Amino acid sequence: MLRKFVKTASRAAGNVPLDLNEPMFDYAPGSAERAALYETVAKVHSTTKDIPLIIGGEEVYDAPVRNQVSPYDHQNVIAKYRIAGEDHLNAAIDSAMSARKAWDRVPVEDRVQIFLKAADLLAGEHRKDICATTMAGQAKNAWQAEIDSAPELIDFFRFNAHYALELQKSQPISPSPEILTNHIEYRGLEGFVAAIAPFNFTAISGNLAGTPAMMGNVVLWKPSDTAVLSSYLIYEILVKCGLPKEVIQFVPADGPTFGKTITASPDLAAINFTGSVPTFEWLWKAVGNNISNYKGFPVMVGECGGKNSHFFHPSGDVGSMVAGTIRSAFEYSGQKCSACSRCYVPKSKWAEIKSGLLNIHKDIVVGRADEPATFVSAVIDETSFDRCAKWIDIAHSDPELTVIAGGTYDKSKGYFIQPTMIESSNPENPILSTEIFGPIVAFYVYDDADWKSVASSIGETSPYSLTGGIYCKDEADKAWLIDELRESAGNFYVNDKSTGSVVGQQWFGGARKSGTNDKAGGPGYVAKWTSPQAVKTTKIDQHAWRYPSMDE
C-alpha cells in the first residue's frame, strides 16, 4: 500500500525557469567547496557503506553481498551491497504494481515538487556528497564529478519538471467548448519501468529511474555494480524529499537475472537502458519473444555508445582541434559514450597537430581521482582494463598501427591505462571502427585532396551514430560536411569536441546502434513516459441518430 503522499514545498509549481543551468564549481585552490569536497572524499574512502535492497519500502539485507571498490585503489572497499535474486525481483514487481495506481493519480504538479526539492539539496548540502561518492566510486576527478553528478543531475530534475508541467499545456482544440471539450490526460504507463543504469554517469543513473517516476510511473532501478554507492545516495535524497519508498524499488542485480525476470513479467511497461549494444539487443529480443504475454507493447528506450569521430578539414584551427581531442578522448579515461576515439587529419597539418598533441600529452597526470592534479584516473574495473590492455597489445603488434604516445598499463594498485594515441595507416583497420571505451584514440592521416571521400567514409566505418565533430573554417566546405555527415551522429559539433552536451541545450541521443535517439535533456523525453488518454466531454444531450445525408 502506498504511504500517504506529502507535498513538498521546494517552489511554486510551474515556476521552473528554463533559461539557466545549474552553475558549476571550479574547485579552485583555497575555495571552501574544494576543502569540503576533498574532506568528504577522504571520509568515503575511510568508511564502508552498507547498502540494502529496497523492496516495498523495506530494507532487505537477506541477499548475497558484494563489494564496490575504488577503481584507483581496488583494495579499498567503499560499499557493500546486496544482489537481488529472482524472488527479490518478483517481490519488487509486486510491490511496484501495488503502488502504481495511487502514484499515477498524484497530480504532476505535486510529483515534480519532490524532484525540485531533490535538485535544491543536490545543489546545496548534498553537493559534496554526490561528487565525493562519484569520485571515489567511479574514479572521476573533481571537475568530471562536478559536471556529472551535481549540475547535470540537478538540471535533469529541474528541466524535466518544467517539461512535465509544460506538457500538460499541450492540449487538443475544442472548437465549441460550450458544446464539448477535448482534453489529454497524461497518464503513467500501465505497468512498471525497468531502469538499467550505467557506471559512467551518476546523472544518467538518477535520470533513468527518476524521470519515469516523475511522470507517474513505478520503477525497478538496477544501478551498475560499479556505481551503487552514488546511485543509492540519489535514492536516499529522493526519499528524504518525499518520494514514497514504494515508487522506486532499489534492486542491484546480476544483468542476466534482472533481464530474464523483468522480461518474463506481464506487467513490464518499459525498459529505460544505457549500456552495451549486445545487452540491449538481448533485452529487445527477449521482449519480442514474450510479446504475446504482456498487457501492452513495452516501450524500449536505449542509449548504447558510439565510435565518435573528429574530422579535421585543412582549413580548421589546429589549436582547437588539439585541445578538443585531448579533452574528448581522455577526460574520464575515455569512458564516455560520446568520447572521441578516432580522428581524421590532413597530411598537410599532421606534423603540427601531432606536435601539439604530444606537447599536452607529456603534461597529463595519471593517478588517483582524489588528487587535484590528476587529469586521467583509473578505468572502472578489471574487465575494462583487460579490454583496453588488449587493444594496446594489438597496436604494438599490428604493422598497420603505430603507438605515438602512451601504450602502457598497470593494474597492481588500480586499473590504470596510460592515455594512448595510435596512428593507423589503414582507414579500415578495426581500431577505427570498434568501440573500446577507454583512453585510446586512433588517427588516420589522409591526403588533403581526398578530404571529401574520407569524410564520406566516417558514417560508414562503424555501426554507430552518436556524436561527431568537425573542425573547418571554410564556409562552403563546412556546409558540405554538415550535410554529408547528417546521418553520422545524433549530436553533431561544429568546431568543437564531441563531448559535453548540456541538459536543455544539446538534447542527447544517437541512432543506428547507438540507440533509440530519445534525446535525454529535451522535452520529448518526459512524454516518452506517459500514456496519453484523449477525453471528450459533451455538455449537451444528443438524442438524434439519423444524419442529414440519410434524408430523401
Protein backbone atom coordinates (compact mmCIF):
# COMPACT_ATOMS: atom_id res chain seq x y z
CA MET A 1 0.00 0.00 0.00
CA LEU A 2 1.38 3.40 -1.00
CA ARG A 3 2.02 5.56 2.03
CA LYS A 4 0.21 8.88 2.13
CA PHE A 5 1.87 11.33 -0.22
CA VAL A 6 3.05 14.56 1.40
CA LYS A 7 3.54 17.52 -0.92
CA THR A 8 6.93 19.20 -0.58
CA ALA A 9 7.43 22.93 -0.79
CA SER A 10 10.51 23.39 -2.92
CA ARG A 11 9.00 26.09 -5.14
CA ALA A 12 5.73 27.01 -6.77
CA ALA A 13 4.54 24.55 -9.40
CA GLY A 14 5.17 25.90 -12.87
CA ASN A 15 7.79 28.37 -11.67
CA VAL A 16 10.72 26.43 -13.11
CA PRO A 17 12.98 28.64 -15.29
CA LEU A 18 14.37 27.14 -18.47
CA ASP A 19 16.97 29.77 -19.24
CA LEU A 20 19.63 28.82 -16.68
CA ASN A 21 21.57 25.65 -16.00
CA GLU A 22 22.99 24.94 -12.56
CA PRO A 23 26.29 26.87 -12.18
CA MET A 24 29.39 24.72 -11.75
CA PHE A 25 32.00 24.99 -9.03
CA ASP A 26 35.59 25.08 -10.28
CA TYR A 27 37.15 23.85 -7.02
CA ALA A 28 39.97 26.37 -7.30
CA PRO A 29 42.76 26.25 -4.71
CA GLY A 30 41.71 27.90 -1.47
CA SER A 31 37.98 27.68 -2.18
CA ALA A 32 35.62 26.45 0.52
CA GLU A 33 33.98 23.95 -1.82
CA ARG A 34 37.37 22.41 -2.64
CA ALA A 35 38.21 21.86 1.01
CA ALA A 36 34.76 20.40 1.73
CA LEU A 37 34.91 18.08 -1.28
CA TYR A 38 38.28 16.53 -0.53
CA GLU A 39 37.40 16.16 3.15
CA THR A 40 34.26 14.28 2.11
CA VAL A 41 36.15 12.07 -0.38
CA ALA A 42 38.52 11.08 2.42
CA LYS A 43 35.53 10.06 4.54
CA VAL A 44 34.15 7.94 1.70
CA HIS A 45 37.49 6.15 1.42
CA SER A 46 37.68 5.55 5.17
CA THR A 47 34.21 4.02 5.58
CA THR A 48 32.25 1.15 4.03
CA LYS A 49 28.60 1.97 3.35
CA ASP A 50 26.23 -0.93 3.99
CA ILE A 51 23.57 -0.80 1.26
CA PRO A 52 20.41 -2.95 1.36
CA LEU A 53 17.92 -3.78 -1.33
CA ILE A 54 14.81 -1.62 -1.08
CA ILE A 55 11.68 -3.64 -1.84
CA GLY A 56 8.24 -2.34 -0.95
CA GLY A 57 9.84 0.45 1.01
CA GLU A 58 11.60 -2.03 3.28
CA GLU A 59 15.35 -2.56 3.68
CA VAL A 60 16.28 -6.11 2.69
CA TYR A 61 19.62 -7.50 3.85
CA ASP A 62 18.88 -11.18 3.24
CA ALA A 63 20.68 -11.42 -0.10
CA PRO A 64 24.20 -12.14 -1.36
CA VAL A 65 26.71 -9.40 -0.54
CA ARG A 66 29.21 -7.84 -2.93
CA ASN A 67 31.79 -5.10 -2.58
CA GLN A 68 32.16 -1.88 -4.50
CA VAL A 69 35.81 -0.86 -4.62
CA SER A 70 37.55 2.31 -5.70
CA PRO A 71 38.93 1.77 -9.24
CA TYR A 72 42.17 3.60 -8.47
CA ASP A 73 42.68 1.59 -5.26
CA HIS A 74 40.93 -1.72 -5.76
CA GLN A 75 41.73 -2.93 -2.26
CA ASN A 76 39.67 -0.09 -0.80
CA VAL A 77 36.09 -1.28 -0.25
CA ILE A 78 33.83 1.77 -0.09
CA ALA A 79 30.48 -0.03 -0.05
CA LYS A 80 28.97 -3.45 0.37
CA TYR A 81 25.65 -4.03 -1.31
CA ARG A 82 23.10 -6.76 -1.86
CA ILE A 83 22.33 -8.59 -5.09
CA ALA A 84 18.67 -9.25 -5.81
CA GLY A 85 17.70 -12.72 -6.92
CA GLU A 86 14.65 -13.73 -8.94
CA ASP A 87 12.43 -13.93 -5.84
CA HIS A 88 13.52 -10.46 -4.73
CA LEU A 89 12.82 -9.04 -8.16
CA ASN A 90 9.39 -10.60 -8.38
CA ALA A 91 8.59 -9.21 -4.94
CA ALA A 92 9.77 -5.80 -6.15
CA ILE A 93 7.49 -6.05 -9.19
CA ASP A 94 4.53 -6.94 -6.95
CA SER A 95 5.29 -4.03 -4.64
CA ALA A 96 5.67 -1.60 -7.53
CA MET A 97 2.40 -2.70 -9.09
CA SER A 98 0.57 -2.31 -5.78
CA ALA A 99 1.74 1.32 -5.64
CA ARG A 100 1.19 2.17 -9.30
CA LYS A 101 -2.42 3.38 -9.34
CA ALA A 102 -2.08 5.64 -6.31
CA TRP A 103 1.16 7.19 -7.55
CA ASP A 104 -0.20 7.75 -11.06
CA ARG A 105 -3.10 9.69 -9.58
CA VAL A 106 -0.90 12.12 -7.65
CA PRO A 107 -1.09 15.38 -9.64
CA VAL A 108 2.02 16.05 -11.67
CA GLU A 109 2.24 19.48 -10.05
CA ASP A 110 2.82 17.68 -6.75
CA ARG A 111 5.10 14.95 -8.10
CA VAL A 112 7.57 17.39 -9.62
CA GLN A 113 7.96 19.16 -6.27
CA ILE A 114 9.85 16.11 -4.94
CA PHE A 115 12.40 16.33 -7.73
CA LEU A 116 12.73 20.10 -7.49
CA LYS A 117 13.47 19.78 -3.79
CA ALA A 118 15.98 17.00 -4.53
CA ALA A 119 17.66 19.29 -7.05
CA ASP A 120 17.93 22.00 -4.40
CA LEU A 121 19.53 19.58 -1.93
CA LEU A 122 21.97 18.36 -4.58
CA ALA A 123 22.87 21.98 -5.29
CA GLY A 124 23.37 22.64 -1.60
CA GLU A 125 24.03 20.39 1.36
CA HIS A 126 24.44 17.15 -0.61
CA ARG A 127 26.57 18.51 -3.45
CA LYS A 128 29.87 17.46 -1.87
CA ASP A 129 28.40 14.04 -1.04
CA ILE A 130 27.25 13.17 -4.55
CA CYS A 131 30.52 14.41 -6.04
CA ALA A 132 32.64 12.57 -3.47
CA THR A 133 30.88 9.23 -3.93
CA THR A 134 31.26 9.60 -7.69
CA MET A 135 34.95 10.44 -7.37
CA ALA A 136 35.80 7.56 -5.06
CA GLY A 137 33.45 5.02 -6.58
CA GLN A 138 33.71 5.79 -10.29
CA ALA A 139 37.19 7.37 -10.48
CA LYS A 140 36.15 10.81 -11.69
CA ASN A 141 38.35 13.75 -10.82
CA ALA A 142 36.74 16.74 -9.14
CA TRP A 143 35.77 18.52 -12.38
CA GLN A 144 34.38 15.41 -14.06
CA ALA A 145 32.39 14.54 -10.95
CA GLU A 146 31.11 18.10 -10.72
CA ILE A 147 29.80 18.39 -14.27
CA ASP A 148 28.15 14.97 -14.00
CA SER A 149 26.82 14.12 -10.59
CA ALA A 150 25.83 17.58 -9.41
CA PRO A 151 24.84 20.10 -12.13
CA GLU A 152 23.73 17.58 -14.75
CA LEU A 153 21.51 15.66 -12.36
CA ILE A 154 20.18 18.92 -10.94
CA ASP A 155 19.43 20.06 -14.49
CA PHE A 156 17.70 16.78 -15.33
CA PHE A 157 15.37 17.14 -12.36
CA ARG A 158 14.65 20.85 -12.86
CA PHE A 159 14.33 20.90 -16.64
CA ASN A 160 12.27 17.71 -16.73
CA ALA A 161 9.98 19.17 -14.06
CA HIS A 162 9.50 22.18 -16.33
CA TYR A 163 8.92 19.97 -19.37
CA ALA A 164 6.42 17.87 -17.41
CA LEU A 165 4.40 20.92 -16.48
CA GLU A 166 4.60 22.33 -19.99
CA LEU A 167 3.40 19.01 -21.37
CA GLN A 168 0.12 19.46 -19.51
CA LYS A 169 -0.48 22.58 -21.61
CA SER A 170 -0.24 20.60 -24.84
CA GLN A 171 -3.94 20.02 -25.42
CA PRO A 172 -6.23 19.39 -28.39
CA ILE A 173 -8.61 22.02 -29.72
CA SER A 174 -12.19 22.38 -28.54
CA PRO A 175 -13.87 24.37 -31.37
CA SER A 176 -17.15 24.80 -29.47
CA PRO A 177 -16.35 24.49 -25.76
CA GLU A 178 -19.91 25.35 -24.83
CA ILE A 179 -20.92 22.11 -26.57
CA LEU A 180 -17.95 19.84 -25.93
CA THR A 181 -14.39 19.97 -24.64
CA ASN A 182 -11.38 17.85 -25.50
CA HIS A 183 -8.57 17.07 -23.09
CA ILE A 184 -5.46 14.90 -22.97
CA GLU A 185 -4.71 13.17 -19.70
CA TYR A 186 -1.04 12.28 -19.47
CA ARG A 187 -1.18 9.05 -17.53
CA GLY A 188 1.74 6.96 -16.40
CA LEU A 189 2.40 3.69 -18.22
CA GLU A 190 0.25 0.71 -17.27
CA GLY A 191 2.92 -1.41 -15.66
CA PHE A 192 6.42 -0.91 -14.28
CA VAL A 193 9.52 0.67 -15.81
CA ALA A 194 12.83 -1.21 -15.59
CA ALA A 195 15.68 1.31 -15.31
CA ILE A 196 19.06 -0.26 -16.15
CA ALA A 197 21.81 2.25 -15.43
CA PRO A 198 25.49 2.56 -16.45
CA PHE A 199 28.51 3.30 -14.27
CA ASN A 200 29.90 6.24 -16.16
CA PHE A 201 27.38 8.98 -15.37
CA THR A 202 25.77 9.33 -11.97
CA ALA A 203 23.33 11.80 -13.50
CA ILE A 204 22.22 9.27 -16.11
CA SER A 205 21.53 6.69 -13.41
CA GLY A 206 19.37 9.17 -11.50
CA ASN A 207 17.60 10.28 -14.66
CA LEU A 208 16.83 6.75 -15.89
CA ALA A 209 14.93 5.99 -12.69
CA GLY A 210 13.85 9.48 -11.65
CA THR A 211 12.18 10.89 -14.74
CA PRO A 212 9.80 7.94 -15.33
CA ALA A 213 8.86 8.20 -11.63
CA MET A 214 8.29 11.94 -12.02
CA MET A 215 5.83 11.17 -14.82
CA GLY A 216 3.72 8.87 -12.62
CA ASN A 217 5.43 5.53 -13.13
CA VAL A 218 6.73 2.93 -10.70
CA VAL A 219 10.31 1.81 -11.30
CA LEU A 220 12.67 -1.09 -10.69
CA TRP A 221 16.09 0.57 -10.54
CA LYS A 222 19.11 -1.59 -11.33
CA PRO A 223 22.22 0.56 -10.84
CA SER A 224 25.58 -0.52 -12.17
CA ASP A 225 27.56 -2.78 -9.81
CA THR A 226 30.41 -0.27 -10.01
CA ALA A 227 28.24 2.75 -9.16
CA VAL A 228 25.90 1.50 -6.43
CA LEU A 229 27.12 3.98 -3.82
CA SER A 230 26.36 7.19 -5.72
CA SER A 231 23.05 5.82 -7.04
CA TYR A 232 21.91 4.82 -3.56
CA LEU A 233 22.66 8.35 -2.34
CA ILE A 234 20.30 9.69 -5.02
CA TYR A 235 17.64 7.25 -3.85
CA GLU A 236 18.08 8.37 -0.24
CA ILE A 237 17.79 12.04 -1.25
CA LEU A 238 14.59 11.41 -3.22
CA VAL A 239 13.01 9.60 -0.27
CA LYS A 240 14.14 12.41 2.02
CA CYS A 241 12.35 14.84 -0.30
CA GLY A 242 9.06 12.97 -0.09
CA LEU A 243 9.19 10.23 -2.73
CA PRO A 244 7.13 7.31 -1.42
CA LYS A 245 9.53 4.39 -0.93
CA GLU A 246 7.35 2.01 -2.93
CA VAL A 247 7.57 4.11 -6.11
CA ILE A 248 11.19 3.14 -6.84
CA GLN A 249 12.48 -0.30 -5.90
CA PHE A 250 16.27 -0.18 -5.49
CA VAL A 251 17.47 -3.58 -6.68
CA PRO A 252 21.09 -4.11 -7.76
CA ALA A 253 21.20 -7.47 -9.56
CA ASP A 254 23.17 -9.58 -11.99
CA GLY A 255 22.31 -8.48 -15.50
CA PRO A 256 21.04 -11.84 -16.80
CA THR A 257 18.87 -12.43 -13.72
CA PHE A 258 17.39 -8.95 -13.90
CA GLY A 259 16.81 -9.14 -17.65
CA LYS A 260 15.15 -12.55 -17.58
CA THR A 261 12.91 -11.65 -14.63
CA ILE A 262 11.62 -8.33 -15.91
CA THR A 263 11.04 -9.53 -19.47
CA ALA A 264 9.09 -12.53 -18.13
CA SER A 265 6.64 -10.31 -16.24
CA PRO A 266 3.34 -9.48 -17.95
CA ASP A 267 3.44 -6.12 -16.15
CA LEU A 268 6.58 -4.86 -17.93
CA ALA A 269 5.67 -1.49 -19.44
CA ALA A 270 9.07 -0.11 -20.44
CA ILE A 271 12.81 -0.57 -20.34
CA ASN A 272 14.97 2.52 -19.85
CA PHE A 273 18.50 1.42 -20.63
CA THR A 274 22.02 2.75 -21.02
CA GLY A 275 24.77 0.23 -21.72
CA SER A 276 26.18 -2.06 -24.37
CA VAL A 277 24.68 -2.99 -27.72
CA PRO A 278 24.70 -6.77 -27.04
CA THR A 279 22.78 -6.29 -23.79
CA PHE A 280 20.17 -4.01 -25.36
CA GLU A 281 19.77 -6.38 -28.29
CA TRP A 282 19.26 -9.26 -25.86
CA LEU A 283 16.58 -7.30 -23.98
CA TRP A 284 14.81 -6.37 -27.20
CA LYS A 285 14.81 -10.00 -28.38
CA ALA A 286 13.52 -11.18 -25.00
CA VAL A 287 10.69 -8.65 -25.17
CA GLY A 288 9.92 -9.81 -28.70
CA ASN A 289 9.87 -13.45 -27.66
CA ASN A 290 7.44 -12.65 -24.83
CA ILE A 291 5.38 -10.05 -26.68
CA SER A 292 2.12 -12.03 -26.52
CA ASN A 293 2.40 -12.32 -22.74
CA TYR A 294 2.43 -8.59 -21.97
CA LYS A 295 -0.58 -6.45 -21.21
CA GLY A 296 0.70 -3.97 -23.77
CA PHE A 297 3.66 -3.34 -26.03
CA PRO A 298 6.64 -2.34 -23.82
CA VAL A 299 8.40 0.93 -24.57
CA MET A 300 12.09 0.44 -25.37
CA VAL A 301 14.44 3.36 -24.72
CA GLY A 302 18.15 2.72 -25.11
CA GLU A 303 21.48 4.52 -25.41
CA CYS A 304 24.36 2.26 -26.35
CA GLY A 305 27.52 4.19 -27.09
CA GLY A 306 29.45 5.05 -30.21
CA LYS A 307 32.67 5.25 -32.17
CA ASN A 308 32.84 9.00 -32.24
CA SER A 309 34.99 10.98 -34.62
CA HIS A 310 36.77 14.28 -35.07
CA PHE A 311 37.25 15.26 -38.70
CA PHE A 312 39.87 17.93 -39.30
CA HIS A 313 39.50 19.85 -42.56
CA PRO A 314 42.63 21.53 -43.96
CA SER A 315 41.11 24.92 -43.08
CA GLY A 316 40.46 24.02 -39.42
CA ASP A 317 42.08 25.62 -36.39
CA VAL A 318 44.88 23.36 -35.13
CA GLY A 319 44.82 24.60 -31.53
CA SER A 320 41.09 23.96 -31.17
CA MET A 321 41.37 20.50 -32.68
CA VAL A 322 44.30 19.54 -30.44
CA ALA A 323 42.73 20.77 -27.19
CA GLY A 324 39.31 19.37 -28.11
CA THR A 325 40.72 15.95 -28.96
CA ILE A 326 42.73 15.69 -25.74
CA ARG A 327 39.67 16.54 -23.69
CA SER A 328 37.19 14.45 -25.63
CA ALA A 329 39.42 11.38 -25.87
CA PHE A 330 40.94 11.34 -22.40
CA GLU A 331 38.60 13.06 -19.95
CA TYR A 332 37.15 10.44 -17.64
CA SER A 333 39.57 7.96 -19.22
CA GLY A 334 37.56 7.95 -22.45
CA GLN A 335 34.67 6.25 -20.64
CA LYS A 336 32.01 8.44 -22.17
CA CYS A 337 29.71 7.12 -24.87
CA SER A 338 30.44 10.39 -26.69
CA ALA A 339 34.24 10.29 -26.28
CA CYS A 340 36.35 10.87 -29.39
CA SER A 341 38.03 7.59 -30.30
CA ARG A 342 39.01 8.24 -33.93
CA CYS A 343 40.40 11.28 -35.73
CA TYR A 344 40.90 12.06 -39.40
CA VAL A 345 43.58 14.66 -40.10
CA PRO A 346 45.05 16.09 -43.32
CA LYS A 347 48.66 15.29 -44.15
CA SER A 348 49.49 18.99 -44.51
CA LYS A 349 48.61 19.64 -40.84
CA TRP A 350 49.57 16.31 -39.25
CA ALA A 351 53.04 17.36 -38.08
CA GLU A 352 51.65 20.44 -36.35
CA ILE A 353 48.72 18.53 -34.87
CA LYS A 354 50.90 15.66 -33.69
CA SER A 355 53.36 18.05 -32.07
CA GLY A 356 50.53 19.83 -30.28
CA LEU A 357 49.05 16.58 -29.02
CA LEU A 358 52.39 15.30 -27.75
CA ASN A 359 53.18 18.59 -26.00
CA ILE A 360 49.97 18.28 -24.00
CA HIS A 361 50.24 14.52 -23.52
CA LYS A 362 53.57 14.81 -21.69
CA ASP A 363 51.90 17.02 -19.07
CA ILE A 364 48.91 14.75 -18.43
CA VAL A 365 48.89 13.44 -14.87
CA VAL A 366 47.54 9.91 -14.43
CA GLY A 367 46.68 8.99 -10.85
CA ARG A 368 44.11 8.86 -8.08
CA ALA A 369 40.93 10.79 -8.76
CA ASP A 370 41.15 12.40 -5.32
CA GLU A 371 44.43 14.12 -6.18
CA PRO A 372 43.77 17.58 -7.67
CA ALA A 373 46.42 17.38 -10.40
CA THR A 374 45.01 14.18 -11.90
CA PHE A 375 43.57 14.50 -15.40
CA VAL A 376 43.20 10.76 -16.15
CA SER A 377 42.42 8.26 -13.42
CA ALA A 378 41.75 4.52 -13.50
CA VAL A 379 39.22 2.80 -15.73
CA ILE A 380 36.22 1.41 -13.91
CA ASP A 381 37.11 -2.27 -13.35
CA GLU A 382 39.28 -5.20 -14.38
CA THR A 383 37.09 -6.11 -17.34
CA SER A 384 37.52 -2.64 -18.78
CA PHE A 385 41.23 -2.69 -18.00
CA ASP A 386 41.73 -6.01 -19.80
CA ARG A 387 39.82 -4.80 -22.87
CA CYS A 388 41.96 -1.65 -23.14
CA ALA A 389 45.18 -3.58 -22.49
CA LYS A 390 44.28 -6.00 -25.28
CA TRP A 391 43.91 -3.14 -27.78
CA ILE A 392 47.22 -1.63 -26.71
CA ASP A 393 48.89 -5.00 -27.25
CA ILE A 394 47.29 -5.21 -30.68
CA ALA A 395 48.59 -1.74 -31.52
CA HIS A 396 52.12 -2.77 -30.60
CA SER A 397 51.98 -5.87 -32.82
CA ASP A 398 49.87 -4.76 -35.82
CA PRO A 399 52.10 -3.44 -38.64
CA GLU A 400 49.33 -1.04 -39.69
CA LEU A 401 49.37 0.65 -36.28
CA THR A 402 51.95 2.86 -34.58
CA VAL A 403 51.72 3.91 -30.93
CA ILE A 404 52.72 7.57 -30.84
CA ALA A 405 52.04 8.22 -27.13
CA GLY A 406 51.17 6.15 -24.08
CA GLY A 407 50.80 2.46 -24.78
CA THR A 408 51.35 1.10 -21.25
CA TYR A 409 49.13 -0.14 -18.44
CA ASP A 410 49.30 -1.34 -14.82
CA LYS A 411 46.64 -2.83 -12.52
CA SER A 412 48.76 -3.65 -9.49
CA LYS A 413 47.19 -0.84 -7.41
CA GLY A 414 44.39 0.50 -9.58
CA TYR A 415 43.12 -0.13 -13.10
CA PHE A 416 45.40 2.38 -14.83
CA ILE A 417 45.63 2.70 -18.61
CA GLN A 418 48.01 5.36 -19.89
CA PRO A 419 46.24 7.71 -22.31
CA THR A 420 47.24 6.27 -25.67
CA MET A 421 47.37 7.71 -29.19
CA ILE A 422 47.72 5.38 -32.18
CA GLU A 423 48.25 6.16 -35.84
CA SER A 424 46.72 3.80 -38.38
CA SER A 425 47.92 3.55 -41.98
CA ASN A 426 44.69 1.81 -42.96
CA PRO A 427 41.34 3.65 -42.64
CA GLU A 428 39.58 0.29 -42.40
CA ASN A 429 41.64 -1.08 -39.52
CA PRO A 430 39.30 -2.35 -36.75
CA ILE A 431 40.71 0.17 -34.30
CA LEU A 432 38.85 2.84 -36.30
CA SER A 433 35.50 1.04 -36.13
CA THR A 434 35.40 -0.86 -32.81
CA GLU A 435 34.23 0.79 -29.60
CA ILE A 436 36.96 0.46 -26.95
CA PHE A 437 35.57 2.67 -24.15
CA GLY A 438 38.88 3.69 -22.69
CA PRO A 439 41.61 6.35 -23.03
CA ILE A 440 42.67 5.22 -26.50
CA VAL A 441 42.28 7.32 -29.65
CA ALA A 442 43.26 6.36 -33.21
CA PHE A 443 44.35 8.71 -36.01
CA TYR A 444 44.19 8.30 -39.77
CA VAL A 445 46.21 10.77 -41.84
CA TYR A 446 44.69 11.44 -45.25
CA ASP A 447 45.88 13.20 -48.40
CA ASP A 448 44.42 16.70 -48.42
CA ALA A 449 42.90 16.20 -51.87
CA ASP A 450 40.90 13.23 -50.57
CA TRP A 451 39.11 15.09 -47.79
CA LYS A 452 35.63 14.59 -49.24
CA SER A 453 35.93 10.85 -49.73
CA VAL A 454 37.47 10.40 -46.27
CA ALA A 455 34.72 12.45 -44.65
CA SER A 456 32.09 10.44 -46.51
CA SER A 457 33.53 7.22 -45.10
CA ILE A 458 33.06 8.30 -41.48
CA GLY A 459 29.39 7.45 -41.40
CA GLU A 460 30.00 4.03 -42.95
CA THR A 461 33.04 2.92 -40.96
CA SER A 462 31.21 1.98 -37.76
CA PRO A 463 27.67 0.85 -36.91
CA TYR A 464 27.15 3.77 -34.51
CA SER A 465 25.66 7.23 -34.90
CA LEU A 466 26.08 9.03 -31.59
CA THR A 467 28.40 12.06 -31.70
CA GLY A 468 30.93 13.61 -34.02
CA GLY A 469 32.80 16.84 -34.54
CA ILE A 470 34.27 18.70 -37.49
CA TYR A 471 36.90 21.41 -37.47
CA CYS A 472 36.53 23.58 -40.57
CA LYS A 473 36.74 27.32 -41.23
CA ASP A 474 35.89 27.29 -44.95
CA GLU A 475 32.17 28.13 -45.02
CA ALA A 476 31.31 26.27 -48.23
CA ASP A 477 33.18 23.13 -47.19
CA LYS A 478 31.71 23.34 -43.71
CA ALA A 479 28.19 23.35 -45.19
CA TRP A 480 29.10 20.35 -47.34
CA LEU A 481 30.46 18.44 -44.34
CA ILE A 482 27.38 19.16 -42.22
CA ASP A 483 25.14 17.83 -44.97
CA GLU A 484 27.33 14.84 -45.83
CA LEU A 485 27.55 13.74 -42.18
CA ARG A 486 23.86 14.34 -41.48
CA GLU A 487 23.17 10.72 -40.53
CA SER A 488 26.53 10.04 -38.87
CA ALA A 489 25.70 11.49 -35.44
CA GLY A 490 22.73 12.27 -33.23
CA ASN A 491 24.75 15.06 -31.61
CA PHE A 492 26.95 16.95 -34.06
CA TYR A 493 29.59 19.53 -33.15
CA VAL A 494 30.98 22.18 -35.47
CA ASN A 495 34.43 23.46 -34.47
CA ASP A 496 34.02 21.81 -31.09
CA LYS A 497 34.79 18.49 -29.42
CA SER A 498 32.39 15.54 -29.49
CA THR A 499 31.66 15.55 -25.74
CA GLY A 500 29.96 17.94 -23.37
CA SER A 501 26.23 18.02 -24.10
CA VAL A 502 24.27 20.11 -21.60
CA VAL A 503 20.72 19.41 -20.42
CA GLY A 504 18.30 21.79 -22.12
CA GLN A 505 20.98 22.95 -24.60
CA GLN A 506 22.09 19.87 -26.53
CA TRP A 507 19.43 17.16 -26.14
CA PHE A 508 21.37 13.92 -26.18
CA GLY A 509 20.98 10.64 -28.05
CA GLY A 510 22.03 8.78 -31.16
CA ALA A 511 20.57 6.45 -33.76
CA ARG A 512 21.69 3.29 -35.56
CA LYS A 513 23.37 1.03 -32.99
CA SER A 514 23.87 4.00 -30.68
CA GLY A 515 20.29 3.73 -29.50
CA THR A 516 16.72 4.89 -29.92
CA ASN A 517 17.64 8.61 -30.03
CA ASP A 518 15.04 9.71 -27.48
CA LYS A 519 17.04 12.81 -26.58
CA ALA A 520 17.50 12.94 -22.83
CA GLY A 521 17.57 16.52 -21.62
CA GLY A 522 14.82 17.60 -24.01
CA PRO A 523 11.01 17.89 -23.74
CA GLY A 524 10.29 14.77 -25.79
CA TYR A 525 11.96 12.59 -23.18
CA VAL A 526 9.35 13.21 -20.49
CA ALA A 527 6.50 12.50 -22.91
CA LYS A 528 8.03 9.07 -23.56
CA TRP A 529 6.99 8.01 -20.07
CA THR A 530 3.31 8.81 -20.47
CA SER A 531 0.32 7.02 -21.91
CA PRO A 532 -1.95 9.83 -23.15
CA GLN A 533 -5.70 9.44 -22.85
CA ALA A 534 -7.97 11.62 -25.02
CA VAL A 535 -11.09 12.66 -23.10
CA LYS A 536 -14.10 14.15 -24.88
CA THR A 537 -16.77 15.68 -22.65
CA THR A 538 -20.13 16.51 -24.27
CA LYS A 539 -22.16 19.17 -22.46
CA ILE A 540 -25.41 18.98 -24.43
CA ASP A 541 -27.55 15.88 -24.53
CA GLN A 542 -27.92 14.47 -28.04
CA HIS A 543 -30.72 12.03 -28.89
CA ALA A 544 -30.70 12.12 -32.70
CA TRP A 545 -29.35 9.12 -34.52
CA ARG A 546 -30.10 9.97 -38.17
CA TYR A 547 -27.77 12.11 -40.34
CA PRO A 548 -28.97 14.67 -42.94
CA SER A 549 -27.31 12.63 -45.68
CA MET A 550 -29.84 9.89 -45.00
CA ASP A 551 -32.85 12.07 -45.77
CA GLU A 552 -34.70 11.86 -49.14
